[in-house]
Amino acid sequence: MKTLSRAPLATVLGCLFLLAAALMVWLGVDAHAYFLPAVALLVAAALQWRGGGQRWLRRLLLWNQFTGLVLVLDLWLGDALHLPKLDISAAMLLANLVLGGPLMSVLALPALAFLHFGPKDAS
């Protein structure tokens, strides 16, 4: 029988994604828009826990980071660059919520570091 060899950080990250999804579901009771990040966080937790689909998990995390960064930069520099600030901000906010929201952005930094520098055989 083959035993599952999993890095402890992978287990912790999977549990943190699941805990963040539970928090988003709890917030979604009052504001239904939080159900979208909850679904993305559950997908991330499943991908991290199963160990398969690391490429998809990395893409999800990178796109979440990208949309969050564009959102912050647009809100900060949108007037100076003479861009349609509200249009870009609204699109990036919606994309960021669909891709996991702000909790995913916070958890993405250690998860991406683990995916890049962590052990290659254990997930």
PDB file of N, CA and C in Angstrom:
ATOM      1  N   MET A   1       0.842  -1.166   0.000  1.00  0.00           N
ATOM      2  CA  MET A   1       0.000   0.000   0.000  1.00  0.00           C
ATOM      3  C   MET A   1       0.890   1.233   0.000  1.00  0.00           C
ATOM      4  N   LYS A   2       0.592   2.155  -0.888  1.00  0.00           N
ATOM      5  CA  LYS A   2       1.380   3.367  -0.999  1.00  0.00           C
ATOM      6  C   LYS A   2       0.831   4.415  -0.036  1.00  0.00           C
ATOM      7  N   THR A   3       1.713   4.992   0.764  1.00  0.00           N
ATOM      8  CA  THR A   3       1.286   6.033   1.690  1.00  0.00           C
ATOM      9  C   THR A   3       1.411   7.389   1.010  1.00  0.00           C
ATOM     10  N   LEU A   4       0.559   8.307   1.414  1.00  0.00           N
ATOM     11  CA  LEU A   4       0.554   9.641   0.843  1.00  0.00           C
ATOM     12  C   LEU A   4       1.630  10.480   1.511  1.00  0.00           C
ATOM     13  N   SER A   5       2.578  10.930   0.728  1.00  0.00           N
ATOM     14  CA  SER A   5       3.636  11.789   1.231  1.00  0.00           C
ATOM     15  C   SER A   5       3.317  13.217   0.833  1.00  0.00           C
ATOM     16  N   ARG A   6       2.932  14.000   1.815  1.00  0.00           N
ATOM     17  CA  ARG A   6       2.528  15.370   1.541  1.00  0.00           C
ATOM     18  C   ARG A   6       3.363  16.303   2.409  1.00  0.00           C
ATOM     19  N   ALA A   7       3.813  17.386   1.809  1.00  0.00           N
ATOM     20  CA  ALA A   7       4.543  18.388   2.571  1.00  0.00           C
ATOM     21  C   ALA A   7       3.591  19.043   3.574  1.00  0.00           C
ATOM     22  N   PRO A   8       4.062  19.297   4.786  1.00  0.00           N
ATOM     23  CA  PRO A   8       3.163  19.904   5.783  1.00  0.00           C
ATOM     24  C   PRO A   8       2.616  21.263   5.353  1.00  0.00           C
ATOM     25  N   LEU A   9       3.422  22.034   4.632  1.00  0.00           N
ATOM     26  CA  LEU A   9       2.950  23.341   4.191  1.00  0.00           C
ATOM     27  C   LEU A   9       1.814  23.208   3.184  1.00  0.00           C
ATOM     28  N   ALA A  10       1.817  22.164   2.379  1.00  0.00           N
ATOM     29  CA  ALA A  10       0.724  21.940   1.428  1.00  0.00           C
ATOM     30  C   ALA A  10      -0.579  21.668   2.177  1.00  0.00           C
ATOM     31  N   THR A  11      -0.506  20.915   3.243  1.00  0.00           N
ATOM     32  CA  THR A  11      -1.686  20.646   4.054  1.00  0.00           C
ATOM     33  C   THR A  11      -2.184  21.919   4.716  1.00  0.00           C
ATOM     34  N   VAL A  12      -1.263  22.705   5.241  1.00  0.00           N
ATOM     35  CA  VAL A  12      -1.641  23.963   5.896  1.00  0.00           C
ATOM     36  C   VAL A  12      -2.283  24.915   4.892  1.00  0.00           C
ATOM     37  N   LEU A  13      -1.694  25.038   3.707  1.00  0.00           N
ATOM     38  CA  LEU A  13      -2.270  25.925   2.695  1.00  0.00           C
ATOM     39  C   LEU A  13      -3.643  25.448   2.232  1.00  0.00           C
ATOM     40  N   GLY A  14      -3.804  24.150   2.073  1.00  0.00           N
ATOM     41  CA  GLY A  14      -5.108  23.622   1.704  1.00  0.00           C
ATOM     42  C   GLY A  14      -6.161  23.929   2.760  1.00  0.00           C
ATOM     43  N   CYS A  15      -5.781  23.778   4.028  1.00  0.00           N
ATOM     44  CA  CYS A  15      -6.708  24.093   5.124  1.00  0.00           C
ATOM     45  C   CYS A  15      -7.002  25.587   5.198  1.00  0.00           C
ATOM     46  N   LEU A  16      -5.993  26.423   4.931  1.00  0.00           N
ATOM     47  CA  LEU A  16      -6.221  27.870   4.935  1.00  0.00           C
ATOM     48  C   LEU A  16      -7.147  28.292   3.801  1.00  0.00           C
ATOM     49  N   PHE A  17      -6.995  27.691   2.630  1.00  0.00           N
ATOM     50  CA  PHE A  17      -7.919  27.968   1.528  1.00  0.00           C
ATOM     51  C   PHE A  17      -9.336  27.552   1.913  1.00  0.00           C
ATOM     52  N   LEU A  18      -9.475  26.411   2.563  1.00  0.00           N
ATOM     53  CA  LEU A  18     -10.790  25.938   2.989  1.00  0.00           C
ATOM     54  C   LEU A  18     -11.386  26.848   4.055  1.00  0.00           C
ATOM     55  N   LEU A  19     -10.568  27.296   5.003  1.00  0.00           N
ATOM     56  CA  LEU A  19     -11.033  28.211   6.042  1.00  0.00           C
ATOM     57  C   LEU A  19     -11.449  29.553   5.440  1.00  0.00           C
ATOM     58  N   ALA A  20     -10.679  30.047   4.472  1.00  0.00           N
ATOM     59  CA  ALA A  20     -11.038  31.295   3.795  1.00  0.00           C
ATOM     60  C   ALA A  20     -12.342  31.139   3.017  1.00  0.00           C
ATOM     61  N   ALA A  21     -12.541  29.978   2.404  1.00  0.00           N
ATOM     62  CA  ALA A  21     -13.800  29.722   1.685  1.00  0.00           C
ATOM     63  C   ALA A  21     -14.978  29.711   2.659  1.00  0.00           C
ATOM     64  N   ALA A  22     -14.779  29.114   3.827  1.00  0.00           N
ATOM     65  CA  ALA A  22     -15.848  29.103   4.831  1.00  0.00           C
ATOM     66  C   ALA A  22     -16.176  30.521   5.296  1.00  0.00           C
ATOM     67  N   LEU A  23     -15.153  31.349   5.460  1.00  0.00           N
ATOM     68  CA  LEU A  23     -15.377  32.740   5.851  1.00  0.00           C
ATOM     69  C   LEU A  23     -16.143  33.486   4.753  1.00  0.00           C
ATOM     70  N   MET A  24     -15.794  33.240   3.506  1.00  0.00           N
ATOM     71  CA  MET A  24     -16.500  33.899   2.409  1.00  0.00           C
ATOM     72  C   MET A  24     -17.947  33.418   2.300  1.00  0.00           C
ATOM     73  N   VAL A  25     -18.198  32.160   2.582  1.00  0.00           N
ATOM     74  CA  VAL A  25     -19.585  31.664   2.579  1.00  0.00           C
ATOM     75  C   VAL A  25     -20.363  32.331   3.703  1.00  0.00           C
ATOM     76  N   TRP A  26     -19.729  32.477   4.855  1.00  0.00           N
ATOM     77  CA  TRP A  26     -20.386  33.144   5.985  1.00  0.00           C
ATOM     78  C   TRP A  26     -20.710  34.594   5.637  1.00  0.00           C
ATOM     79  N   LEU A  27     -19.765  35.295   4.982  1.00  0.00           N
ATOM     80  CA  LEU A  27     -20.026  36.662   4.541  1.00  0.00           C
ATOM     81  C   LEU A  27     -21.054  36.693   3.420  1.00  0.00           C
ATOM     82  N   GLY A  28     -21.126  35.639   2.637  1.00  0.00           N
ATOM     83  CA  GLY A  28     -22.063  35.570   1.527  1.00  0.00           C
ATOM     84  C   GLY A  28     -23.504  35.469   1.953  1.00  0.00           C
ATOM     85  N   VAL A  29     -23.756  35.131   3.214  1.00  0.00           N
ATOM     86  CA  VAL A  29     -25.126  35.092   3.703  1.00  0.00           C
ATOM     87  C   VAL A  29     -25.729  36.493   3.664  1.00  0.00           C
ATOM     88  N   ASP A  30     -24.925  37.509   3.979  1.00  0.00           N
ATOM     89  CA  ASP A  30     -25.408  38.887   3.964  1.00  0.00           C
ATOM     90  C   ASP A  30     -25.201  39.566   2.615  1.00  0.00           C
ATOM     91  N   ALA A  31     -24.088  39.310   1.973  1.00  0.00           N
ATOM     92  CA  ALA A  31     -23.790  39.929   0.676  1.00  0.00           C
ATOM     93  C   ALA A  31     -23.478  38.799  -0.298  1.00  0.00           C
ATOM     94  N   HIS A  32     -24.393  38.536  -1.200  1.00  0.00           N
ATOM     95  CA  HIS A  32     -24.295  37.362  -2.062  1.00  0.00           C
ATOM     96  C   HIS A  32     -23.102  37.377  -3.007  1.00  0.00           C
ATOM     97  N   ALA A  33     -22.491  38.526  -3.212  1.00  0.00           N
ATOM     98  CA  ALA A  33     -21.317  38.591  -4.095  1.00  0.00           C
ATOM     99  C   ALA A  33     -20.138  37.807  -3.523  1.00  0.00           C
ATOM    100  N   TYR A  34     -20.122  37.556  -2.227  1.00  0.00           N
ATOM    101  CA  TYR A  34     -19.013  36.816  -1.621  1.00  0.00           C
ATOM    102  C   TYR A  34     -19.081  35.317  -1.896  1.00  0.00           C
ATOM    103  N   PHE A  35     -20.157  34.839  -2.497  1.00  0.00           N
ATOM    104  CA  PHE A  35     -20.199  33.429  -2.869  1.00  0.00           C
ATOM    105  C   PHE A  35     -19.242  33.123  -4.023  1.00  0.00           C
ATOM    106  N   LEU A  36     -18.986  34.101  -4.902  1.00  0.00           N
ATOM    107  CA  LEU A  36     -18.044  33.892  -6.012  1.00  0.00           C
ATOM    108  C   LEU A  36     -16.624  33.617  -5.517  1.00  0.00           C
ATOM    109  N   PRO A  37     -16.075  34.444  -4.612  1.00  0.00           N
ATOM    110  CA  PRO A  37     -14.740  34.108  -4.103  1.00  0.00           C
ATOM    111  C   PRO A  37     -14.724  32.798  -3.325  1.00  0.00           C
ATOM    112  N   ALA A  38     -15.830  32.457  -2.688  1.00  0.00           N
ATOM    113  CA  ALA A  38     -15.880  31.206  -1.941  1.00  0.00           C
ATOM    114  C   ALA A  38     -15.715  30.005  -2.861  1.00  0.00           C
ATOM    115  N   VAL A  39     -16.327  30.063  -4.029  1.00  0.00           N
ATOM    116  CA  VAL A  39     -16.197  28.970  -4.991  1.00  0.00           C
ATOM    117  C   VAL A  39     -14.751  28.864  -5.474  1.00  0.00           C
ATOM    118  N   ALA A  40     -14.136  30.005  -5.790  1.00  0.00           N
ATOM    119  CA  ALA A  40     -12.744  29.990  -6.249  1.00  0.00           C
ATOM    120  C   ALA A  40     -11.809  29.489  -5.147  1.00  0.00           C
ATOM    121  N   LEU A  41     -12.071  29.857  -3.905  1.00  0.00           N
ATOM    122  CA  LEU A  41     -11.245  29.376  -2.796  1.00  0.00           C
ATOM    123  C   LEU A  41     -11.435  27.876  -2.574  1.00  0.00           C
ATOM    124  N   LEU A  42     -12.653  27.386  -2.761  1.00  0.00           N
ATOM    125  CA  LEU A  42     -12.874  25.936  -2.656  1.00  0.00           C
ATOM    126  C   LEU A  42     -12.150  25.177  -3.765  1.00  0.00           C
ATOM    127  N   VAL A  43     -12.142  25.737  -4.971  1.00  0.00           N
ATOM    128  CA  VAL A  43     -11.399  25.117  -6.072  1.00  0.00           C
ATOM    129  C   VAL A  43      -9.907  25.096  -5.750  1.00  0.00           C
ATOM    130  N   ALA A  44      -9.399  26.208  -5.224  1.00  0.00           N
ATOM    131  CA  ALA A  44      -7.979  26.269  -4.856  1.00  0.00           C
ATOM    132  C   ALA A  44      -7.660  25.273  -3.748  1.00  0.00           C
ATOM    133  N   ALA A  45      -8.547  25.143  -2.770  1.00  0.00           N
ATOM    134  CA  ALA A  45      -8.326  24.177  -1.685  1.00  0.00           C
ATOM    135  C   ALA A  45      -8.314  22.753  -2.224  1.00  0.00           C
ATOM    136  N   ALA A  46      -9.236  22.444  -3.147  1.00  0.00           N
ATOM    137  CA  ALA A  46      -9.274  21.095  -3.722  1.00  0.00           C
ATOM    138  C   ALA A  46      -8.030  20.809  -4.546  1.00  0.00           C
ATOM    139  N   LEU A  47      -7.595  21.784  -5.341  1.00  0.00           N
ATOM    140  CA  LEU A  47      -6.385  21.588  -6.152  1.00  0.00           C
ATOM    141  C   LEU A  47      -5.153  21.429  -5.275  1.00  0.00           C
ATOM    142  N   GLN A  48      -5.067  22.218  -4.212  1.00  0.00           N
ATOM    143  CA  GLN A  48      -3.912  22.119  -3.313  1.00  0.00           C
ATOM    144  C   GLN A  48      -3.943  20.808  -2.538  1.00  0.00           C
ATOM    145  N   TRP A  49      -5.111  20.396  -2.093  1.00  0.00           N
ATOM    146  CA  TRP A  49      -5.215  19.193  -1.276  1.00  0.00           C
ATOM    147  C   TRP A  49      -4.937  17.931  -2.085  1.00  0.00           C
ATOM    148  N   ARG A  50      -5.488  17.865  -3.296  1.00  0.00           N
ATOM    149  CA  ARG A  50      -5.295  16.667  -4.116  1.00  0.00           C
ATOM    150  C   ARG A  50      -3.901  16.575  -4.687  1.00  0.00           C
ATOM    151  N   GLY A  51      -3.265  17.712  -4.874  1.00  0.00           N
ATOM    152  CA  GLY A  51      -1.907  17.705  -5.407  1.00  0.00           C
ATOM    153  C   GLY A  51      -1.860  17.707  -6.917  1.00  0.00           C
ATOM    154  N   GLY A  52      -2.930  17.369  -7.574  1.00  0.00           N
ATOM    155  CA  GLY A  52      -2.970  17.422  -9.027  1.00  0.00           C
ATOM    156  C   GLY A  52      -3.433  18.788  -9.475  1.00  0.00           C
ATOM    157  N   GLY A  53      -3.102  19.139 -10.658  1.00  0.00           N
ATOM    158  CA  GLY A  53      -3.534  20.432 -11.180  1.00  0.00           C
ATOM    159  C   GLY A  53      -2.757  21.605 -10.622  1.00  0.00           C
ATOM    160  N   GLN A  54      -1.487  21.390 -10.320  1.00  0.00           N
ATOM    161  CA  GLN A  54      -0.688  22.488  -9.782  1.00  0.00           C
ATOM    162  C   GLN A  54      -0.548  23.619 -10.795  1.00  0.00           C
ATOM    163  N   ARG A  55      -0.545  23.278 -12.070  1.00  0.00           N
ATOM    164  CA  ARG A  55      -0.457  24.305 -13.103  1.00  0.00           C
ATOM    165  C   ARG A  55      -1.701  25.188 -13.076  1.00  0.00           C
ATOM    166  N   TRP A  56      -2.871  24.584 -12.894  1.00  0.00           N
ATOM    167  CA  TRP A  56      -4.113  25.351 -12.832  1.00  0.00           C
ATOM    168  C   TRP A  56      -4.163  26.200 -11.572  1.00  0.00           C
ATOM    169  N   LEU A  57      -3.690  25.650 -10.466  1.00  0.00           N
ATOM    170  CA  LEU A  57      -3.654  26.408  -9.220  1.00  0.00           C
ATOM    171  C   LEU A  57      -2.711  27.604  -9.355  1.00  0.00           C
ATOM    172  N   ARG A  58      -1.561  27.393  -9.944  1.00  0.00           N
ATOM    173  CA  ARG A  58      -0.611  28.491 -10.138  1.00  0.00           C
ATOM    174  C   ARG A  58      -1.223  29.575 -11.025  1.00  0.00           C
ATOM    175  N   ARG A  59      -1.910  29.174 -12.084  1.00  0.00           N
ATOM    176  CA  ARG A  59      -2.553  30.164 -12.965  1.00  0.00           C
ATOM    177  C   ARG A  59      -3.642  30.931 -12.239  1.00  0.00           C
ATOM    178  N   LEU A  60      -4.452  30.250 -11.438  1.00  0.00           N
ATOM    179  CA  LEU A  60      -5.501  30.904 -10.670  1.00  0.00           C
ATOM    180  C   LEU A  60      -4.905  31.934  -9.720  1.00  0.00           C
ATOM    181  N   LEU A  61      -3.841  31.555  -9.032  1.00  0.00           N
ATOM    182  CA  LEU A  61      -3.203  32.465  -8.084  1.00  0.00           C
ATOM    183  C   LEU A  61      -2.552  33.645  -8.799  1.00  0.00           C
ATOM    184  N   LEU A  62      -1.901  33.389  -9.921  1.00  0.00           N
ATOM    185  CA  LEU A  62      -1.256  34.482 -10.647  1.00  0.00           C
ATOM    186  C   LEU A  62      -2.273  35.459 -11.230  1.00  0.00           C
ATOM    187  N   TRP A  63      -3.362  34.951 -11.777  1.00  0.00           N
ATOM    188  CA  TRP A  63      -4.379  35.845 -12.311  1.00  0.00           C
ATOM    189  C   TRP A  63      -5.044  36.647 -11.196  1.00  0.00           C
ATOM    190  N   ASN A  64      -5.234  36.044 -10.037  1.00  0.00           N
ATOM    191  CA  ASN A  64      -5.776  36.779  -8.900  1.00  0.00           C
ATOM    192  C   ASN A  64      -4.831  37.904  -8.497  1.00  0.00           C
ATOM    193  N   GLN A  65      -3.541  37.612  -8.437  1.00  0.00           N
ATOM    194  CA  GLN A  65      -2.564  38.646  -8.091  1.00  0.00           C
ATOM    195  C   GLN A  65      -2.536  39.745  -9.146  1.00  0.00           C
ATOM    196  N   PHE A  66      -2.607  39.373 -10.413  1.00  0.00           N
ATOM    197  CA  PHE A  66      -2.569  40.359 -11.495  1.00  0.00           C
ATOM    198  C   PHE A  66      -3.766  41.297 -11.432  1.00  0.00           C
ATOM    199  N   THR A  67      -4.970  40.750 -11.267  1.00  0.00           N
ATOM    200  CA  THR A  67      -6.156  41.599 -11.235  1.00  0.00           C
ATOM    201  C   THR A  67      -6.152  42.501 -10.008  1.00  0.00           C
ATOM    202  N   GLY A  68      -5.686  41.993  -8.891  1.00  0.00           N
ATOM    203  CA  GLY A  68      -5.588  42.834  -7.693  1.00  0.00           C
ATOM    204  C   GLY A  68      -4.582  43.958  -7.864  1.00  0.00           C
ATOM    205  N   LEU A  69      -3.461  43.650  -8.489  1.00  0.00           N
ATOM    206  CA  LEU A  69      -2.433  44.664  -8.713  1.00  0.00           C
ATOM    207  C   LEU A  69      -2.916  45.740  -9.685  1.00  0.00           C
ATOM    208  N   VAL A  70      -3.574  45.329 -10.762  1.00  0.00           N
ATOM    209  CA  VAL A  70      -4.112  46.307 -11.722  1.00  0.00           C
ATOM    210  C   VAL A  70      -5.184  47.160 -11.058  1.00  0.00           C
ATOM    211  N   LEU A  71      -6.008  46.554 -10.202  1.00  0.00           N
ATOM    212  CA  LEU A  71      -7.045  47.304  -9.495  1.00  0.00           C
ATOM    213  C   LEU A  71      -6.424  48.374  -8.604  1.00  0.00           C
ATOM    214  N   VAL A  72      -5.430  47.999  -7.818  1.00  0.00           N
ATOM    215  CA  VAL A  72      -4.790  48.962  -6.917  1.00  0.00           C
ATOM    216  C   VAL A  72      -4.065  50.052  -7.699  1.00  0.00           C
ATOM    217  N   LEU A  73      -3.339  49.663  -8.737  1.00  0.00           N
ATOM    218  CA  LEU A  73      -2.623  50.663  -9.530  1.00  0.00           C
ATOM    219  C   LEU A  73      -3.583  51.605 -10.254  1.00  0.00           C
ATOM    220  N   ASP A  74      -4.704  51.092 -10.724  1.00  0.00           N
ATOM    221  CA  ASP A  74      -5.669  51.942 -11.396  1.00  0.00           C
ATOM    222  C   ASP A  74      -6.309  52.916 -10.420  1.00  0.00           C
ATOM    223  N   LEU A  75      -6.641  52.457  -9.234  1.00  0.00           N
ATOM    224  CA  LEU A  75      -7.220  53.361  -8.247  1.00  0.00           C
ATOM    225  C   LEU A  75      -6.212  54.411  -7.797  1.00  0.00           C
ATOM    226  N   TRP A  76      -4.953  54.050  -7.788  1.00  0.00           N
ATOM    227  CA  TRP A  76      -3.909  54.968  -7.348  1.00  0.00           C
ATOM    228  C   TRP A  76      -3.505  55.942  -8.451  1.00  0.00           C
ATOM    229  N   LEU A  77      -3.294  55.434  -9.669  1.00  0.00           N
ATOM    230  CA  LEU A  77      -2.741  56.239 -10.747  1.00  0.00           C
ATOM    231  C   LEU A  77      -3.706  56.514 -11.892  1.00  0.00           C
ATOM    232  N   GLY A  78      -4.951  56.122 -11.777  1.00  0.00           N
ATOM    233  CA  GLY A  78      -5.895  56.239 -12.882  1.00  0.00           C
ATOM    234  C   GLY A  78      -6.112  57.665 -13.348  1.00  0.00           C
ATOM    235  N   ASP A  79      -6.200  58.609 -12.425  1.00  0.00           N
ATOM    236  CA  ASP A  79      -6.409  60.001 -12.820  1.00  0.00           C
ATOM    237  C   ASP A  79      -5.184  60.578 -13.508  1.00  0.00           C
ATOM    238  N   ALA A  80      -4.006  60.236 -13.012  1.00  0.00           N
ATOM    239  CA  ALA A  80      -2.775  60.778 -13.589  1.00  0.00           C
ATOM    240  C   ALA A  80      -2.517  60.234 -14.992  1.00  0.00           C
ATOM    241  N   LEU A  81      -2.965  59.034 -15.260  1.00  0.00           N
ATOM    242  CA  LEU A  81      -2.737  58.437 -16.577  1.00  0.00           C
ATOM    243  C   LEU A  81      -3.863  58.745 -17.567  1.00  0.00           C
ATOM    244  N   HIS A  82      -4.898  59.460 -17.107  1.00  0.00           N
ATOM    245  CA  HIS A  82      -6.050  59.833 -17.936  1.00  0.00           C
ATOM    246  C   HIS A  82      -6.723  58.595 -18.538  1.00  0.00           C
ATOM    247  N   LEU A  83      -6.921  57.610 -17.696  1.00  0.00           N
ATOM    248  CA  LEU A  83      -7.604  56.383 -18.106  1.00  0.00           C
ATOM    249  C   LEU A  83      -9.044  56.410 -17.601  1.00  0.00           C
ATOM    250  N   PRO A  84      -9.922  55.624 -18.203  1.00  0.00           N
ATOM    251  CA  PRO A  84     -11.286  55.512 -17.663  1.00  0.00           C
ATOM    252  C   PRO A  84     -11.254  54.718 -16.351  1.00  0.00           C
ATOM    253  N   LYS A  85     -11.003  55.437 -15.279  1.00  0.00           N
ATOM    254  CA  LYS A  85     -10.697  54.840 -13.982  1.00  0.00           C
ATOM    255  C   LYS A  85     -11.802  53.901 -13.483  1.00  0.00           C
ATOM    256  N   LEU A  86     -13.032  54.343 -13.536  1.00  0.00           N
ATOM    257  CA  LEU A  86     -14.114  53.529 -12.981  1.00  0.00           C
ATOM    258  C   LEU A  86     -14.382  52.280 -13.805  1.00  0.00           C
ATOM    259  N   ASP A  87     -14.233  52.343 -15.105  1.00  0.00           N
ATOM    260  CA  ASP A  87     -14.454  51.168 -15.953  1.00  0.00           C
ATOM    261  C   ASP A  87     -13.410  50.090 -15.672  1.00  0.00           C
ATOM    262  N   ILE A  88     -12.146  50.511 -15.632  1.00  0.00           N
ATOM    263  CA  ILE A  88     -11.068  49.551 -15.384  1.00  0.00           C
ATOM    264  C   ILE A  88     -11.171  48.994 -13.971  1.00  0.00           C
ATOM    265  N   SER A  89     -11.460  49.851 -13.002  1.00  0.00           N
ATOM    266  CA  SER A  89     -11.574  49.399 -11.614  1.00  0.00           C
ATOM    267  C   SER A  89     -12.718  48.407 -11.441  1.00  0.00           C
ATOM    268  N   ALA A  90     -13.842  48.689 -12.074  1.00  0.00           N
ATOM    269  CA  ALA A  90     -14.988  47.780 -11.954  1.00  0.00           C
ATOM    270  C   ALA A  90     -14.688  46.425 -12.581  1.00  0.00           C
ATOM    271  N   ALA A  91     -14.045  46.439 -13.740  1.00  0.00           N
ATOM    272  CA  ALA A  91     -13.717  45.174 -14.407  1.00  0.00           C
ATOM    273  C   ALA A  91     -12.709  44.372 -13.590  1.00  0.00           C
ATOM    274  N   MET A  92     -11.700  45.038 -13.039  1.00  0.00           N
ATOM    275  CA  MET A  92     -10.685  44.333 -12.254  1.00  0.00           C
ATOM    276  C   MET A  92     -11.246  43.846 -10.924  1.00  0.00           C
ATOM    277  N   LEU A  93     -12.155  44.617 -10.323  1.00  0.00           N
ATOM    278  CA  LEU A  93     -12.786  44.175  -9.081  1.00  0.00           C
ATOM    279  C   LEU A  93     -13.632  42.936  -9.321  1.00  0.00           C
ATOM    280  N   LEU A  94     -14.400  42.935 -10.397  1.00  0.00           N
ATOM    281  CA  LEU A  94     -15.213  41.762 -10.720  1.00  0.00           C
ATOM    282  C   LEU A  94     -14.337  40.553 -11.019  1.00  0.00           C
ATOM    283  N   ALA A  95     -13.271  40.757 -11.805  1.00  0.00           N
ATOM    284  CA  ALA A  95     -12.366  39.648 -12.117  1.00  0.00           C
ATOM    285  C   ALA A  95     -11.674  39.137 -10.863  1.00  0.00           C
ATOM    286  N   ASN A  96     -11.279  40.045  -9.974  1.00  0.00           N
ATOM    287  CA  ASN A  96     -10.615  39.618  -8.747  1.00  0.00           C
ATOM    288  C   ASN A  96     -11.573  38.834  -7.854  1.00  0.00           C
ATOM    289  N   LEU A  97     -12.828  39.254  -7.786  1.00  0.00           N
ATOM    290  CA  LEU A  97     -13.793  38.501  -6.981  1.00  0.00           C
ATOM    291  C   LEU A  97     -14.050  37.120  -7.565  1.00  0.00           C
ATOM    292  N   VAL A  98     -14.138  37.020  -8.879  1.00  0.00           N
ATOM    293  CA  VAL A  98     -14.353  35.718  -9.514  1.00  0.00           C
ATOM    294  C   VAL A  98     -13.150  34.802  -9.291  1.00  0.00           C
ATOM    295  N   LEU A  99     -11.960  35.387  -9.202  1.00  0.00           N
ATOM    296  CA  LEU A  99     -10.729  34.606  -9.034  1.00  0.00           C
ATOM    297  C   LEU A  99     -10.335  34.396  -7.574  1.00  0.00           C
ATOM    298  N   GLY A 100     -11.186  34.733  -6.631  1.00  0.00           N
ATOM    299  CA  GLY A 100     -10.897  34.414  -5.240  1.00  0.00           C
ATOM    300  C   GLY A 100     -10.920  35.569  -4.280  1.00  0.00           C
ATOM    301  N   GLY A 101     -10.910  36.771  -4.758  1.00  0.00           N
ATOM    302  CA  GLY A 101     -11.041  37.929  -3.901  1.00  0.00           C
ATOM    303  C   GLY A 101      -9.794  38.254  -3.099  1.00  0.00           C
ATOM    304  N   PRO A 102      -9.952  39.117  -2.122  1.00  0.00           N
ATOM    305  CA  PRO A 102      -8.796  39.577  -1.356  1.00  0.00           C
ATOM    306  C   PRO A 102      -8.169  38.502  -0.467  1.00  0.00           C
ATOM    307  N   LEU A 103      -8.958  37.573   0.032  1.00  0.00           N
ATOM    308  CA  LEU A 103      -8.367  36.509   0.847  1.00  0.00           C
ATOM    309  C   LEU A 103      -7.474  35.600   0.017  1.00  0.00           C
ATOM    310  N   MET A 104      -7.868  35.351  -1.211  1.00  0.00           N
ATOM    311  CA  MET A 104      -7.019  34.576  -2.110  1.00  0.00           C
ATOM    312  C   MET A 104      -5.719  35.336  -2.385  1.00  0.00           C
ATOM    313  N   SER A 105      -5.813  36.669  -2.513  1.00  0.00           N
ATOM    314  CA  SER A 105      -4.615  37.466  -2.759  1.00  0.00           C
ATOM    315  C   SER A 105      -3.632  37.357  -1.609  1.00  0.00           C
ATOM    316  N   VAL A 106      -4.124  37.351  -0.404  1.00  0.00           N
ATOM    317  CA  VAL A 106      -3.250  37.229   0.769  1.00  0.00           C
ATOM    318  C   VAL A 106      -2.642  35.834   0.838  1.00  0.00           C
ATOM    319  N   LEU A 107      -3.438  34.819   0.579  1.00  0.00           N
ATOM    320  CA  LEU A 107      -2.942  33.444   0.656  1.00  0.00           C
ATOM    321  C   LEU A 107      -2.103  33.054  -0.564  1.00  0.00           C
ATOM    322  N   ALA A 108      -2.218  33.813  -1.639  1.00  0.00           N
ATOM    323  CA  ALA A 108      -1.494  33.471  -2.863  1.00  0.00           C
ATOM    324  C   ALA A 108       0.006  33.648  -2.716  1.00  0.00           C
ATOM    325  N   LEU A 109       0.441  34.595  -1.919  1.00  0.00           N
ATOM    326  CA  LEU A 109       1.883  34.835  -1.785  1.00  0.00           C
ATOM    327  C   LEU A 109       2.624  33.625  -1.206  1.00  0.00           C
ATOM    328  N   PRO A 110       2.204  33.080  -0.048  1.00  0.00           N
ATOM    329  CA  PRO A 110       2.912  31.875   0.416  1.00  0.00           C
ATOM    330  C   PRO A 110       2.653  30.654  -0.464  1.00  0.00           C
ATOM    331  N   ALA A 111       1.470  30.582  -1.072  1.00  0.00           N
ATOM    332  CA  ALA A 111       1.173  29.430  -1.930  1.00  0.00           C
ATOM    333  C   ALA A 111       2.043  29.440  -3.183  1.00  0.00           C
ATOM    334  N   LEU A 112       2.213  30.600  -3.794  1.00  0.00           N
ATOM    335  CA  LEU A 112       3.076  30.685  -4.970  1.00  0.00           C
ATOM    336  C   LEU A 112       4.528  30.411  -4.612  1.00  0.00           C
ATOM    337  N   ALA A 113       4.953  30.901  -3.458  1.00  0.00           N
ATOM    338  CA  ALA A 113       6.323  30.612  -3.017  1.00  0.00           C
ATOM    339  C   ALA A 113       6.515  29.117  -2.789  1.00  0.00           C
ATOM    340  N   PHE A 114       5.509  28.466  -2.202  1.00  0.00           N
ATOM    341  CA  PHE A 114       5.607  27.026  -1.985  1.00  0.00           C
ATOM    342  C   PHE A 114       5.615  26.268  -3.306  1.00  0.00           C
ATOM    343  N   LEU A 115       4.756  26.681  -4.236  1.00  0.00           N
ATOM    344  CA  LEU A 115       4.701  26.008  -5.527  1.00  0.00           C
ATOM    345  C   LEU A 115       6.000  26.179  -6.312  1.00  0.00           C
ATOM    346  N   HIS A 116       6.659  27.304  -6.113  1.00  0.00           N
ATOM    347  CA  HIS A 116       7.899  27.551  -6.858  1.00  0.00           C
ATOM    348  C   HIS A 116       9.124  26.938  -6.172  1.00  0.00           C
ATOM    349  N   PHE A 117       9.236  27.117  -4.867  1.00  0.00           N
ATOM    350  CA  PHE A 117      10.425  26.686  -4.153  1.00  0.00           C
ATOM    351  C   PHE A 117      10.249  25.381  -3.382  1.00  0.00           C
ATOM    352  N   GLY A 118       9.023  24.905  -3.253  1.00  0.00           N
ATOM    353  CA  GLY A 118       8.746  23.714  -2.460  1.00  0.00           C
ATOM    354  C   GLY A 118       9.245  22.446  -3.135  1.00  0.00           C
ATOM    355  N   PRO A 119       9.073  21.325  -2.432  1.00  0.00           N
ATOM    356  CA  PRO A 119       9.485  20.048  -3.020  1.00  0.00           C
ATOM    357  C   PRO A 119       8.658  19.722  -4.255  1.00  0.00           C
ATOM    358  N   LYS A 120       9.313  19.178  -5.247  1.00  0.00           N
ATOM    359  CA  LYS A 120       8.649  18.900  -6.519  1.00  0.00           C
ATOM    360  C   LYS A 120       7.827  17.614  -6.491  1.00  0.00           C
ATOM    361  N   ASP A 121       8.203  16.671  -5.648  1.00  0.00           N
ATOM    362  CA  ASP A 121       7.464  15.404  -5.627  1.00  0.00           C
ATOM    363  C   ASP A 121       6.271  15.446  -4.690  1.00  0.00           C
ATOM    364  N   ALA A 122       6.335  16.228  -3.631  1.00  0.00           N
ATOM    365  CA  ALA A 122       5.215  16.317  -2.695  1.00  0.00           C
ATOM    366  C   ALA A 122       4.401  17.534  -3.039  1.00  0.00           C
ATOM    367  N   SER A 123       3.093  17.407  -2.913  1.00  0.00           N
ATOM    368  CA  SER A 123       2.251  18.561  -3.196  1.00  0.00           C
ATOM    369  C   SER A 123       1.450  18.830  -1.981  1.00  0.00           C
TER     370      SER A 123
END
